[in-house]
Protein backbone atom coordinates (compact mmCIF):
# COMPACT_ATOMS: atom_id res chain seq x y z
CA MET A 1 -41.49 22.11 9.01
CA MET A 2 -38.18 21.80 7.51
CA LYS A 3 -37.12 19.33 9.95
CA LEU A 4 -40.48 16.88 8.76
CA PHE A 5 -39.48 17.56 5.50
CA LEU A 6 -35.80 16.32 5.80
CA ASN A 7 -37.02 13.16 8.11
CA ILE A 8 -39.78 12.20 5.48
CA ILE A 9 -36.89 12.45 2.49
CA LEU A 10 -34.09 10.49 4.58
CA CYS A 11 -36.15 8.37 6.40
CA SER A 12 -33.89 9.53 9.14
CA LEU A 13 -34.78 11.29 12.88
CA PHE A 14 -32.65 14.21 13.35
CA TYR A 15 -32.22 15.66 17.15
CA PHE A 16 -31.01 18.82 17.98
CA SER A 17 -28.97 19.28 21.60
CA SER A 18 -28.55 22.63 23.34
CA GLN A 19 -25.14 23.01 22.80
CA ALA A 20 -25.16 23.13 19.07
CA GLN A 21 -24.94 19.36 18.77
CA ILE A 22 -26.77 17.38 15.42
CA GLY A 23 -27.82 13.54 16.16
CA ILE A 24 -29.13 11.63 13.15
CA ASN A 25 -30.97 8.55 14.20
CA PHE A 26 -28.83 9.58 17.56
CA VAL A 27 -29.34 11.27 20.63
CA PRO A 28 -26.65 13.79 21.38
CA ASN A 29 -25.71 13.67 25.24
CA PRO A 30 -25.05 17.45 25.78
CA ASN A 31 -23.32 16.34 29.78
CA GLU A 32 -19.87 14.41 27.42
CA VAL A 33 -16.84 16.06 27.08
CA ASN A 34 -15.65 16.94 23.93
CA ASN A 35 -18.85 15.60 22.48
CA SER A 36 -18.56 15.58 18.55
CA PRO A 37 -21.07 18.30 17.10
CA LEU A 38 -22.54 16.15 14.47
CA ILE A 39 -22.98 12.39 15.22
CA ILE A 40 -24.48 9.96 12.98
CA LYS A 41 -25.33 6.36 13.64
CA THR A 42 -26.82 3.82 11.15
CA ASP A 43 -26.56 -0.09 10.25
CA GLN A 44 -25.98 0.45 6.65
CA PRO A 45 -22.33 0.07 5.64
CA ASN A 46 -22.51 3.44 3.54
CA ALA A 47 -23.16 5.75 6.56
CA LEU A 48 -21.72 9.31 4.74
CA ARG A 49 -21.32 9.96 0.94
CA PHE A 50 -19.40 13.01 0.13
CA VAL A 51 -19.60 14.51 -3.24
CA PRO A 52 -17.98 17.83 -4.03
CA GLU A 53 -19.30 19.77 -6.75
CA GLY A 54 -17.40 19.69 -9.80
CA THR A 55 -15.31 16.93 -8.69
CA GLU A 56 -15.23 13.00 -9.51
CA PRO A 57 -13.83 11.08 -6.41
CA LEU A 58 -11.49 8.35 -7.81
CA PRO A 59 -11.52 4.93 -5.36
CA GLY A 60 -9.13 4.69 -2.99
CA GLN A 61 -8.84 8.94 -2.32
CA VAL A 62 -9.20 10.14 0.75
CA LEU A 63 -10.68 14.06 2.04
CA ILE A 64 -7.39 16.05 2.62
CA SER A 65 -7.52 19.33 4.44
CA ASP A 66 -5.89 22.72 4.36
CA ASP A 67 -4.69 24.91 7.10
CA GLU A 68 -7.89 26.64 6.95
CA GLY A 69 -10.21 23.58 7.28
CA ASN A 70 -11.44 23.44 3.61
CA VAL A 71 -11.51 19.68 2.09
CA ARG A 72 -11.34 18.19 -1.32
CA TYR A 73 -10.50 14.45 -2.37
CA GLY A 74 -6.66 13.59 -3.08
CA ASP A 75 -4.06 11.11 -2.97
CA LEU A 76 -2.00 11.19 0.34
CA THR A 77 1.30 12.68 -0.66
CA ALA A 78 4.92 12.23 0.99
CA THR A 79 4.31 15.36 3.07
CA GLU A 80 1.28 14.22 4.61
CA ILE A 81 2.25 10.72 5.71
CA ASP A 82 4.68 9.19 8.05
CA PHE A 83 5.50 5.66 6.10
CA VAL A 84 4.17 3.35 4.03
CA ASN A 85 3.73 -0.31 4.58
CA GLY A 86 4.94 -3.06 1.63
CA VAL A 87 2.45 -5.69 1.46
CA PHE A 88 3.74 -9.38 1.85
CA ASN A 89 1.83 -12.02 0.21
CA GLY A 90 3.94 -15.47 1.35
CA GLY A 91 6.54 -14.82 -0.67
CA VAL A 92 8.73 -17.21 -3.96
CA ASN A 93 10.36 -20.11 -3.94
CA ALA A 94 12.38 -21.15 -6.96
CA GLU A 95 14.36 -24.27 -8.29
CA ASP A 96 17.36 -24.96 -10.78
CA LEU A 97 19.19 -22.19 -9.67
CA TYR A 98 22.49 -23.13 -11.76
CA ARG A 99 20.80 -23.03 -14.72
CA ASN A 100 17.66 -20.76 -14.38
CA ASN A 101 18.94 -16.93 -14.58
CA LYS A 102 15.65 -14.95 -13.95
CA VAL A 103 14.49 -12.28 -12.22
CA PHE A 104 11.84 -13.43 -9.87
CA ASP A 105 8.80 -11.71 -8.66
CA SER A 106 8.20 -12.23 -4.91
CA ASN A 107 4.67 -11.43 -4.50
CA ALA A 108 5.69 -8.42 -2.28
CA TYR A 109 4.69 -4.92 -3.36
CA ILE A 110 4.22 -1.23 -2.11
CA ASP A 111 1.99 1.35 -3.28
CA LEU A 112 3.53 5.26 -2.80
CA PRO A 113 1.62 8.31 -3.23
CA PRO A 114 3.34 10.94 -5.14
CA GLY A 115 6.37 12.61 -3.71
CA ARG A 116 9.52 10.86 -2.89
CA TRP A 117 10.17 8.20 -1.05
CA ALA A 118 13.30 6.05 0.53
CA VAL A 119 12.19 2.59 0.05
CA ASN A 120 13.77 0.23 3.21
CA PHE A 121 13.76 -3.60 3.15
CA SER A 122 15.70 -6.35 4.96
CA ILE A 123 14.91 -9.90 3.54
CA LYS A 124 15.84 -12.77 4.73
CA PHE A 125 17.57 -15.13 2.00
CA GLN A 126 17.99 -18.90 2.03
CA VAL A 127 19.60 -21.22 -0.78
CA VAL A 128 19.66 -24.92 -0.33
CA LYS A 129 21.37 -27.53 -2.20
CA TYR A 130 19.41 -30.88 -3.04
CA SER A 131 20.18 -33.91 -4.56
CA THR A 132 17.77 -35.73 -7.19
CA VAL A 133 19.82 -38.73 -6.15
CA ASN A 134 19.14 -39.60 -2.78
CA GLU A 135 16.93 -36.74 -2.45
CA THR A 136 18.48 -34.80 0.43
CA THR A 137 18.90 -31.28 1.08
CA GLU A 138 21.92 -29.36 2.81
CA ASN A 139 22.98 -26.00 2.98
CA LEU A 140 25.76 -24.23 0.84
CA GLU A 141 29.34 -25.85 1.04
CA ARG A 142 31.96 -24.00 2.20
CA ASP A 143 32.62 -21.17 -0.43
CA GLU A 144 30.11 -21.79 -2.25
CA ALA A 145 27.74 -18.41 -2.83
CA ILE A 146 25.07 -16.88 -4.34
CA TRP A 147 23.97 -13.21 -4.95
CA ALA A 148 20.41 -11.65 -4.47
CA ARG A 149 20.08 -8.53 -6.75
CA ILE A 150 16.72 -7.34 -5.45
CA ILE A 151 15.00 -4.07 -7.36
CA LEU A 152 11.70 -2.23 -7.87
CA SER A 153 9.59 -2.83 -10.87
CA ASN A 154 6.25 -1.33 -12.66
CA THR A 155 4.73 -4.58 -13.50
CA SER A 156 4.44 -7.99 -11.41
CA GLY A 157 5.76 -11.32 -12.65
CA ASN A 158 9.21 -12.80 -13.44
CA THR A 159 11.20 -11.59 -16.33
CA THR A 160 15.25 -12.16 -17.48
CA ASN A 161 16.77 -8.81 -17.04
CA TYR A 162 16.83 -6.91 -13.53
CA ASN A 163 18.18 -3.97 -15.67
CA THR A 164 15.59 -3.45 -18.19
CA ASP A 165 12.85 -4.76 -15.40
CA SER A 166 13.96 -2.00 -12.63
CA THR A 167 11.36 0.93 -12.30
CA LYS A 168 12.86 3.96 -13.93
CA ASP A 169 11.28 6.26 -11.40
CA ILE A 170 14.63 6.11 -9.47
CA ALA A 171 15.43 9.86 -7.23
CA ILE A 172 19.22 8.90 -7.51
CA PRO A 173 20.66 7.94 -10.46
CA ASN A 174 22.57 4.18 -10.93
CA LEU A 175 20.97 3.55 -7.48
CA TYR A 176 18.19 1.30 -8.74
CA LEU A 177 19.10 -1.95 -6.94
CA ALA A 178 20.45 -3.34 -3.74
CA SER A 179 22.61 -6.67 -3.24
CA GLY A 180 23.59 -9.01 -0.82
CA SER A 181 25.38 -12.48 -0.90
CA LEU A 182 24.98 -15.88 1.05
CA VAL A 183 28.16 -17.59 1.66
CA GLY A 184 28.58 -21.52 2.84
CA PRO A 185 28.17 -22.81 4.89
CA THR A 186 25.96 -20.34 6.59
CA GLN A 187 22.16 -21.45 6.31
CA TYR A 188 20.69 -17.83 5.62
CA THR A 189 21.48 -14.43 5.43
CA ASN A 190 19.76 -10.85 5.14
CA VAL A 191 19.70 -8.99 1.78
CA LYS A 192 19.38 -5.15 3.33
CA GLY A 193 19.46 -2.04 1.21
CA GLU A 194 17.48 1.19 0.58
CA ILE A 195 15.81 2.28 -2.75
CA TYR A 196 15.26 6.03 -3.36
CA ILE A 197 11.98 6.39 -5.53
CA LEU A 198 10.18 9.50 -7.21
CA ASN A 199 6.56 8.74 -8.15
CA SER A 200 6.02 11.87 -10.32
CA LEU A 201 2.20 11.46 -10.79
CA THR A 202 -0.74 12.82 -9.32
CA THR A 203 -1.67 9.47 -8.17
CA THR A 204 -0.12 5.98 -6.13
CA LYS A 205 1.65 3.95 -7.80
CA ARG A 206 2.38 -0.01 -7.05
CA TYR A 207 5.82 -0.84 -6.96
CA TYR A 208 6.77 -4.85 -7.01
CA LEU A 209 9.69 -6.27 -4.90
CA LYS A 210 11.51 -8.46 -7.49
CA VAL A 211 15.16 -10.57 -6.90
CA PHE A 212 18.13 -11.84 -9.15
CA LEU A 213 20.35 -14.40 -8.42
CA GLU A 214 23.59 -14.98 -9.42
CA LYS A 215 25.63 -17.46 -8.85
CA TYR A 216 29.49 -18.36 -8.10
CA ASN A 217 31.50 -21.13 -7.09
CA LEU A 218 28.63 -23.45 -7.38
CA ASP A 219 28.27 -27.85 -7.70
CA ASP A 220 27.57 -27.91 -11.54
CA ARG A 221 26.77 -31.44 -11.08
CA ARG A 222 23.72 -32.10 -13.10
CA ARG A 223 21.88 -33.71 -9.96
CA ILE A 224 22.51 -31.34 -8.10
CA ASN A 225 19.40 -28.70 -7.56
CA TYR A 226 19.53 -25.51 -5.89
CA LYS A 227 16.66 -23.85 -4.44
CA LEU A 228 15.46 -20.24 -2.91
CA ILE A 229 13.52 -20.90 0.05
CA ASP A 230 10.56 -18.46 0.95
CA PHE A 231 12.16 -15.29 -0.43
CA ALA A 232 10.21 -12.30 0.74
CA ALA A 233 7.57 -14.32 3.02
CA GLY A 234 7.24 -11.43 5.48
CA PRO A 235 7.46 -11.37 8.82
CA ILE A 236 4.81 -13.47 10.04
CA LEU A 237 5.96 -16.45 8.51
CA ASN A 238 9.70 -16.07 8.99
CA GLY A 239 9.92 -13.13 11.92
CA VAL A 240 12.49 -11.12 10.10
CA ASP A 241 10.95 -9.71 7.13
CA ARG A 242 10.83 -5.71 6.78
CA PHE A 243 9.33 -3.82 3.70
CA PHE A 244 8.72 -0.39 4.46
CA ALA A 245 9.03 3.77 2.53
CA ILE A 246 9.61 6.82 4.43
CA PRO A 247 9.20 10.09 2.85
CA ALA A 248 12.52 11.09 1.32
CA ASN A 249 11.73 15.57 0.45
């Protein structure tokens, strides 16, 4: 009687095998090795809903189990996963670098669960000079150079001060940026670094990868335009960019 009642309420077919397996809209095969005790087959996108009493799961949370098999909704922490990959969104191009002192948002970001993280990156850094007179592009000349300072920020968008724009969730005091330089006539280099982040919240937090450019020994002629090319475009576009975090607890 109970089986029939459930079938009517749920509009589903329940099957029970001799091996204590339960199938919903699916007939378990007791002859299969390591067959699951519960099998659900459906063409609906939301096949399973789990609502523990007294809790309200938030979007993006996952089921986490303890050593006794009890499960709850929560955010993954640095002790429960091996690494987190950053997300690239095409990178950033910027012009007029000689007169444009900005912190540029690279459009890349990383979502870090609660805990301490070592955020690693290796980003291709390329700057070219463009003449507005004859419309030609060339690499930096010998001894021309430009610095790239990379930070992680709590907010997206361009700003003007990398010190104040840097996140305060720094696990090691004063180590809030990584930098590298491009010196002509080199075409490009990779800016590599590691920033330690402590997310003390109980939820996952997003950090935005930004770059501040500092110039020296550049040509100050007004008709020379320095351009940043595809910074943090991602490995699919340039084959070399890396952006990830590993637990540092």
